[in-house]
Amino acid sequence: MEDHSNSADLKRDILIYGAIVVLTVLIVLISRFHLGVLGIFIIVPIACTEAGVLAYFFMHLSAKQKTLHMLLLLTIVVFLSLLFWPVWDILYSPRTPSAYTTN
């Protein structure tokens, strides 16, 4: 019975490793096309998927649901704070006139 579970785990790990290699090759190939901004919009979701697969399986987040939910909550909080921080800074930061501002 133990051999079967080890064999299944090995097959799963090889499949995950293959997916990571394929995603990495895909990112490199897309970067060779020099698509500019469009390339960024294509590569970033692929890289996020690759990072998610790595974290979920090889960092064992699949077995730790509470840790995964806390990590996602922290990511959302940091993302939203970084998103709205410039707005808050512009609205509430005291500014002194400079040589580059117009009257």
C-alpha atoms as a PDB file:
ATOM      1  CA  MET A   1       0.000   0.000   0.000  1.00  0.00           C
ATOM      2  CA  GLU A   2       2.818   2.351   0.836  1.00  0.00           C
ATOM      3  CA  ASP A   3       4.468   1.750  -2.544  1.00  0.00           C
ATOM      4  CA  HIS A   4       1.277   2.816  -4.294  1.00  0.00           C
ATOM      5  CA  SER A   5       1.082   6.133  -2.413  1.00  0.00           C
ATOM      6  CA  ASN A   6       4.768   6.830  -3.048  1.00  0.00           C
ATOM      7  CA  SER A   7       4.288   6.012  -6.725  1.00  0.00           C
ATOM      8  CA  ALA A   8       1.273   8.326  -6.928  1.00  0.00           C
ATOM      9  CA  ASP A   9       3.181  11.109  -5.164  1.00  0.00           C
ATOM     10  CA  LEU A  10       6.125  10.642  -7.497  1.00  0.00           C
ATOM     11  CA  LYS A  11       3.887  10.819 -10.578  1.00  0.00           C
ATOM     12  CA  ARG A  12       2.212  13.957  -9.213  1.00  0.00           C
ATOM     13  CA  ASP A  13       5.575  15.598  -8.480  1.00  0.00           C
ATOM     14  CA  ILE A  14       6.894  14.757 -11.950  1.00  0.00           C
ATOM     15  CA  LEU A  15       3.732  16.167 -13.516  1.00  0.00           C
ATOM     16  CA  ILE A  16       4.051  19.367 -11.471  1.00  0.00           C
ATOM     17  CA  TYR A  17       7.746  19.670 -12.327  1.00  0.00           C
ATOM     18  CA  GLY A  18       6.890  19.209 -16.010  1.00  0.00           C
ATOM     19  CA  ALA A  19       4.219  21.903 -15.796  1.00  0.00           C
ATOM     20  CA  ILE A  20       6.708  24.308 -14.205  1.00  0.00           C
ATOM     21  CA  VAL A  21       9.276  23.595 -16.925  1.00  0.00           C
ATOM     22  CA  VAL A  22       6.644  24.103 -19.650  1.00  0.00           C
ATOM     23  CA  LEU A  23       5.492  27.402 -18.104  1.00  0.00           C
ATOM     24  CA  THR A  24       9.095  28.603 -17.816  1.00  0.00           C
ATOM     25  CA  VAL A  25       9.835  27.718 -21.440  1.00  0.00           C
ATOM     26  CA  LEU A  26       6.618  29.478 -22.475  1.00  0.00           C
ATOM     27  CA  ILE A  27       7.676  32.633 -20.627  1.00  0.00           C
ATOM     28  CA  VAL A  28      11.106  32.577 -22.267  1.00  0.00           C
ATOM     29  CA  LEU A  29       9.624  32.033 -25.734  1.00  0.00           C
ATOM     30  CA  ILE A  30       7.126  34.874 -25.313  1.00  0.00           C
ATOM     31  CA  SER A  31       9.926  37.183 -24.136  1.00  0.00           C
ATOM     32  CA  ARG A  32      11.866  36.426 -27.349  1.00  0.00           C
ATOM     33  CA  PHE A  33       9.070  37.941 -29.472  1.00  0.00           C
ATOM     34  CA  HIS A  34       9.737  41.451 -28.059  1.00  0.00           C
ATOM     35  CA  LEU A  35       6.037  42.278 -27.713  1.00  0.00           C
ATOM     36  CA  GLY A  36       6.595  45.217 -25.383  1.00  0.00           C
ATOM     37  CA  VAL A  37       3.675  45.971 -23.074  1.00  0.00           C
ATOM     38  CA  LEU A  38       1.555  43.201 -24.577  1.00  0.00           C
ATOM     39  CA  GLY A  39       4.264  40.733 -23.604  1.00  0.00           C
ATOM     40  CA  ILE A  40       4.042  41.912 -20.004  1.00  0.00           C
ATOM     41  CA  PHE A  41       0.287  41.340 -19.967  1.00  0.00           C
ATOM     42  CA  ILE A  42       0.867  37.819 -21.275  1.00  0.00           C
ATOM     43  CA  ILE A  43       3.896  36.879 -19.163  1.00  0.00           C
ATOM     44  CA  VAL A  44       2.752  38.142 -15.751  1.00  0.00           C
ATOM     45  CA  PRO A  45      -0.314  35.854 -15.458  1.00  0.00           C
ATOM     46  CA  ILE A  46       1.798  32.881 -16.564  1.00  0.00           C
ATOM     47  CA  ALA A  47       4.454  33.735 -13.966  1.00  0.00           C
ATOM     48  CA  CYS A  48       1.795  34.144 -11.264  1.00  0.00           C
ATOM     49  CA  THR A  49       0.354  30.754 -12.179  1.00  0.00           C
ATOM     50  CA  GLU A  50       3.805  29.205 -11.982  1.00  0.00           C
ATOM     51  CA  ALA A  51       4.467  30.790  -8.580  1.00  0.00           C
ATOM     52  CA  GLY A  52       1.073  29.613  -7.347  1.00  0.00           C
ATOM     53  CA  VAL A  53       1.760  26.038  -8.438  1.00  0.00           C
ATOM     54  CA  LEU A  54       5.153  26.115  -6.729  1.00  0.00           C
ATOM     55  CA  ALA A  55       3.735  27.506  -3.496  1.00  0.00           C
ATOM     56  CA  TYR A  56       0.689  25.245  -3.455  1.00  0.00           C
ATOM     57  CA  PHE A  57       2.478  21.957  -4.020  1.00  0.00           C
ATOM     58  CA  PHE A  58       6.157  22.303  -3.120  1.00  0.00           C
ATOM     59  CA  MET A  59       5.637  24.569  -0.107  1.00  0.00           C
ATOM     60  CA  HIS A  60       2.808  22.263   1.038  1.00  0.00           C
ATOM     61  CA  LEU A  61       0.148  24.969   1.164  1.00  0.00           C
ATOM     62  CA  SER A  62      -2.330  22.403  -0.132  1.00  0.00           C
ATOM     63  CA  ALA A  63      -2.236  20.721   3.290  1.00  0.00           C
ATOM     64  CA  LYS A  64      -2.521  23.966   5.240  1.00  0.00           C
ATOM     65  CA  GLN A  65      -5.821  25.596   4.335  1.00  0.00           C
ATOM     66  CA  LYS A  66      -5.736  28.118   7.207  1.00  0.00           C
ATOM     67  CA  THR A  67      -2.237  29.222   6.230  1.00  0.00           C
ATOM     68  CA  LEU A  68      -3.327  29.581   2.614  1.00  0.00           C
ATOM     69  CA  HIS A  69      -6.305  31.735   3.542  1.00  0.00           C
ATOM     70  CA  MET A  70      -4.186  33.947   5.786  1.00  0.00           C
ATOM     71  CA  LEU A  71      -1.589  34.306   3.035  1.00  0.00           C
ATOM     72  CA  LEU A  72      -4.257  35.316   0.527  1.00  0.00           C
ATOM     73  CA  LEU A  73      -5.748  37.807   2.991  1.00  0.00           C
ATOM     74  CA  LEU A  74      -2.316  39.330   3.628  1.00  0.00           C
ATOM     75  CA  THR A  75      -1.692  39.577  -0.119  1.00  0.00           C
ATOM     76  CA  ILE A  76      -5.003  41.371  -0.665  1.00  0.00           C
ATOM     77  CA  VAL A  77      -4.352  43.798   2.196  1.00  0.00           C
ATOM     78  CA  VAL A  78      -0.849  44.637   0.939  1.00  0.00           C
ATOM     79  CA  PHE A  79      -2.071  44.985  -2.652  1.00  0.00           C
ATOM     80  CA  LEU A  80      -4.921  47.335  -1.720  1.00  0.00           C
ATOM     81  CA  SER A  81      -2.724  49.430   0.563  1.00  0.00           C
ATOM     82  CA  LEU A  82      -0.129  49.843  -2.178  1.00  0.00           C
ATOM     83  CA  LEU A  83      -2.882  50.631  -4.653  1.00  0.00           C
ATOM     84  CA  PHE A  84      -4.451  53.408  -2.592  1.00  0.00           C
ATOM     85  CA  TRP A  85      -1.352  54.760  -0.880  1.00  0.00           C
ATOM     86  CA  PRO A  86      -0.461  57.223  -3.696  1.00  0.00           C
ATOM     87  CA  VAL A  87      -4.006  58.613  -3.640  1.00  0.00           C
ATOM     88  CA  TRP A  88      -3.825  59.115   0.126  1.00  0.00           C
ATOM     89  CA  ASP A  89      -0.370  60.672  -0.208  1.00  0.00           C
ATOM     90  CA  ILE A  90      -1.505  63.121  -2.863  1.00  0.00           C
ATOM     91  CA  LEU A  91      -4.668  64.137  -1.001  1.00  0.00           C
ATOM     92  CA  TYR A  92      -3.333  64.492   2.542  1.00  0.00           C
ATOM     93  CA  SER A  93       0.367  65.276   2.235  1.00  0.00           C
ATOM     94  CA  PRO A  94       1.297  68.932   2.709  1.00  0.00           C
ATOM     95  CA  ARG A  95       2.971  70.267  -0.383  1.00  0.00           C
ATOM     96  CA  THR A  96       5.057  73.357  -0.769  1.00  0.00           C
ATOM     97  CA  PRO A  97       5.159  75.183  -4.066  1.00  0.00           C
ATOM     98  CA  SER A  98       8.187  74.455  -6.154  1.00  0.00           C
ATOM     99  CA  ALA A  99       9.767  75.963  -9.223  1.00  0.00           C
ATOM    100  CA  TYR A 100       7.916  73.465 -11.385  1.00  0.00           C
ATOM    101  CA  THR A 101       4.375  74.253 -10.220  1.00  0.00           C
ATOM    102  CA  THR A 102       2.287  76.822 -12.018  1.00  0.00           C
ATOM    103  CA  ASN A 103       0.156  79.434 -10.320  1.00  0.00           C
END
